[in-house]
Amino acid sequence: MRTCDPGRVSDNDPAGPGDGLVRAGAVVFAVGAVATMVTVIPLFIGAEPLPTAAYVVSMLMGAGFVIAAAGLLRGMAHQRRAARAAQADRPVPGRGVQAR
């Protein structure tokens, strides 16, 4: 008998829609988080603040969050469409199909 562990992902699982956006969003978020730490450290140690470009790179943290959220929404929409299509394939009792 074969058991299914939902916490484990096999190497054969294909990437779903939105997975790439989530991964890209995580990378962009990480770059923005590192940039935020780098721009805040000089303020704590009393050094001269970094140029404006460093603060602009810090804004990537929010952009990464938005990209990842878009990937999650895309994946959710795909799952809802797939569930709706699977439900449409099943006959519904009381709508012209006899229940047994």
C-alpha atoms as a PDB file:
ATOM      1  CA  MET A   1       0.000   0.000   0.000  1.00  0.00           C
ATOM      2  CA  ARG A   2       1.363   3.362  -0.987  1.00  0.00           C
ATOM      3  CA  THR A   3       1.059   6.349   1.335  1.00  0.00           C
ATOM      4  CA  CYS A   4       1.132   9.963   0.386  1.00  0.00           C
ATOM      5  CA  ASP A   5       3.019  12.460   2.517  1.00  0.00           C
ATOM      6  CA  PRO A   6       1.812  15.965   1.587  1.00  0.00           C
ATOM      7  CA  GLY A   7       4.799  17.541   3.301  1.00  0.00           C
ATOM      8  CA  ARG A   8       7.228  15.868   0.954  1.00  0.00           C
ATOM      9  CA  VAL A   9       7.792  16.998  -2.614  1.00  0.00           C
ATOM     10  CA  SER A  10       9.229  14.615  -5.147  1.00  0.00           C
ATOM     11  CA  ASP A  11      11.628  15.608  -7.875  1.00  0.00           C
ATOM     12  CA  ASN A  12       9.030  14.589 -10.462  1.00  0.00           C
ATOM     13  CA  ASP A  13       6.513  17.284  -9.476  1.00  0.00           C
ATOM     14  CA  PRO A  14       6.209  19.796 -12.299  1.00  0.00           C
ATOM     15  CA  ALA A  15       6.275  23.458 -11.415  1.00  0.00           C
ATOM     16  CA  GLY A  16       2.791  24.887 -11.380  1.00  0.00           C
ATOM     17  CA  PRO A  17       1.701  28.242 -12.722  1.00  0.00           C
ATOM     18  CA  GLY A  18       2.979  30.996 -10.503  1.00  0.00           C
ATOM     19  CA  ASP A  19       5.821  28.966  -8.966  1.00  0.00           C
ATOM     20  CA  GLY A  20       8.405  30.851 -11.000  1.00  0.00           C
ATOM     21  CA  LEU A  21       6.965  34.171  -9.868  1.00  0.00           C
ATOM     22  CA  VAL A  22       7.123  33.067  -6.237  1.00  0.00           C
ATOM     23  CA  ARG A  23      10.765  32.038  -6.602  1.00  0.00           C
ATOM     24  CA  ALA A  24      11.681  35.245  -8.434  1.00  0.00           C
ATOM     25  CA  GLY A  25       9.818  37.279  -5.818  1.00  0.00           C
ATOM     26  CA  ALA A  26      11.754  35.551  -3.037  1.00  0.00           C
ATOM     27  CA  VAL A  27      15.068  36.373  -4.721  1.00  0.00           C
ATOM     28  CA  VAL A  28      14.104  40.012  -5.310  1.00  0.00           C
ATOM     29  CA  PHE A  29      12.858  40.260  -1.712  1.00  0.00           C
ATOM     30  CA  ALA A  30      16.150  38.829  -0.399  1.00  0.00           C
ATOM     31  CA  VAL A  31      18.188  41.313  -2.455  1.00  0.00           C
ATOM     32  CA  GLY A  32      16.037  44.142  -1.103  1.00  0.00           C
ATOM     33  CA  ALA A  33      16.374  42.872   2.476  1.00  0.00           C
ATOM     34  CA  VAL A  34      20.174  42.739   2.215  1.00  0.00           C
ATOM     35  CA  ALA A  35      20.204  46.212   0.688  1.00  0.00           C
ATOM     36  CA  THR A  36      18.015  47.483   3.519  1.00  0.00           C
ATOM     37  CA  MET A  37      20.400  46.099   6.131  1.00  0.00           C
ATOM     38  CA  VAL A  38      23.389  47.577   4.318  1.00  0.00           C
ATOM     39  CA  THR A  39      21.786  51.032   4.128  1.00  0.00           C
ATOM     40  CA  VAL A  40      20.662  51.049   7.771  1.00  0.00           C
ATOM     41  CA  ILE A  41      23.972  49.927   9.323  1.00  0.00           C
ATOM     42  CA  PRO A  42      25.819  53.209   8.589  1.00  0.00           C
ATOM     43  CA  LEU A  43      23.058  55.106  10.379  1.00  0.00           C
ATOM     44  CA  PHE A  44      23.586  53.047  13.548  1.00  0.00           C
ATOM     45  CA  ILE A  45      27.381  53.228  13.590  1.00  0.00           C
ATOM     46  CA  GLY A  46      27.489  56.955  12.904  1.00  0.00           C
ATOM     47  CA  ALA A  47      29.077  56.678   9.474  1.00  0.00           C
ATOM     48  CA  GLU A  48      28.097  58.778   6.517  1.00  0.00           C
ATOM     49  CA  PRO A  49      24.839  57.619   4.872  1.00  0.00           C
ATOM     50  CA  LEU A  50      25.033  55.768   1.570  1.00  0.00           C
ATOM     51  CA  PRO A  51      23.984  57.411  -1.718  1.00  0.00           C
ATOM     52  CA  THR A  52      20.358  57.511  -2.792  1.00  0.00           C
ATOM     53  CA  ALA A  53      20.844  54.597  -5.187  1.00  0.00           C
ATOM     54  CA  ALA A  54      21.350  52.263  -2.203  1.00  0.00           C
ATOM     55  CA  TYR A  55      17.996  53.313  -0.778  1.00  0.00           C
ATOM     56  CA  VAL A  56      16.347  52.762  -4.154  1.00  0.00           C
ATOM     57  CA  VAL A  57      17.683  49.176  -4.193  1.00  0.00           C
ATOM     58  CA  SER A  58      16.126  48.734  -0.729  1.00  0.00           C
ATOM     59  CA  MET A  59      12.726  49.238  -2.328  1.00  0.00           C
ATOM     60  CA  LEU A  60      13.186  45.901  -4.086  1.00  0.00           C
ATOM     61  CA  MET A  61      12.015  44.280  -0.858  1.00  0.00           C
ATOM     62  CA  GLY A  62       8.472  45.517  -1.438  1.00  0.00           C
ATOM     63  CA  ALA A  63       8.643  44.720  -5.137  1.00  0.00           C
ATOM     64  CA  GLY A  64       9.697  41.149  -4.337  1.00  0.00           C
ATOM     65  CA  PHE A  65       6.751  40.787  -1.984  1.00  0.00           C
ATOM     66  CA  VAL A  66       4.368  41.967  -4.721  1.00  0.00           C
ATOM     67  CA  ILE A  67       5.903  39.601  -7.296  1.00  0.00           C
ATOM     68  CA  ALA A  68       5.605  36.625  -4.929  1.00  0.00           C
ATOM     69  CA  ALA A  69       2.012  37.557  -4.058  1.00  0.00           C
ATOM     70  CA  ALA A  70       1.174  37.700  -7.776  1.00  0.00           C
ATOM     71  CA  GLY A  71       2.626  34.192  -8.157  1.00  0.00           C
ATOM     72  CA  LEU A  72       0.505  32.921  -5.272  1.00  0.00           C
ATOM     73  CA  LEU A  73      -2.621  34.477  -6.755  1.00  0.00           C
ATOM     74  CA  ARG A  74      -1.836  32.951 -10.150  1.00  0.00           C
ATOM     75  CA  GLY A  75      -1.378  29.509  -8.578  1.00  0.00           C
ATOM     76  CA  MET A  76      -4.619  29.846  -6.619  1.00  0.00           C
ATOM     77  CA  ALA A  77      -6.534  30.846  -9.739  1.00  0.00           C
ATOM     78  CA  HIS A  78      -5.144  27.830 -11.601  1.00  0.00           C
ATOM     79  CA  GLN A  79      -6.183  25.478  -8.784  1.00  0.00           C
ATOM     80  CA  ARG A  80      -9.675  26.963  -8.688  1.00  0.00           C
ATOM     81  CA  ARG A  81     -10.055  26.571 -12.457  1.00  0.00           C
ATOM     82  CA  ALA A  82      -8.842  22.962 -12.258  1.00  0.00           C
ATOM     83  CA  ALA A  83     -11.248  22.167  -9.414  1.00  0.00           C
ATOM     84  CA  ARG A  84     -14.123  23.803 -11.279  1.00  0.00           C
ATOM     85  CA  ALA A  85     -13.302  21.821 -14.433  1.00  0.00           C
ATOM     86  CA  ALA A  86     -13.091  18.561 -12.461  1.00  0.00           C
ATOM     87  CA  GLN A  87     -16.424  19.327 -10.839  1.00  0.00           C
ATOM     88  CA  ALA A  88     -17.993  20.073 -14.223  1.00  0.00           C
ATOM     89  CA  ASP A  89     -16.929  16.631 -15.487  1.00  0.00           C
ATOM     90  CA  ARG A  90     -18.852  14.903 -12.682  1.00  0.00           C
ATOM     91  CA  PRO A  91     -22.593  14.399 -13.119  1.00  0.00           C
ATOM     92  CA  VAL A  92     -24.661  16.272 -10.554  1.00  0.00           C
ATOM     93  CA  PRO A  93     -27.651  14.370  -9.094  1.00  0.00           C
ATOM     94  CA  GLY A  94     -30.960  16.133  -9.723  1.00  0.00           C
ATOM     95  CA  ARG A  95     -29.875  17.891 -12.898  1.00  0.00           C
ATOM     96  CA  GLY A  96     -31.011  15.483 -15.552  1.00  0.00           C
ATOM     97  CA  VAL A  97     -28.813  12.619 -14.361  1.00  0.00           C
ATOM     98  CA  GLN A  98     -30.290   9.859 -12.232  1.00  0.00           C
ATOM     99  CA  ALA A  99     -28.586   9.291  -8.876  1.00  0.00           C
ATOM    100  CA  ARG A 100     -27.945   5.687  -7.883  1.00  0.00           C
END
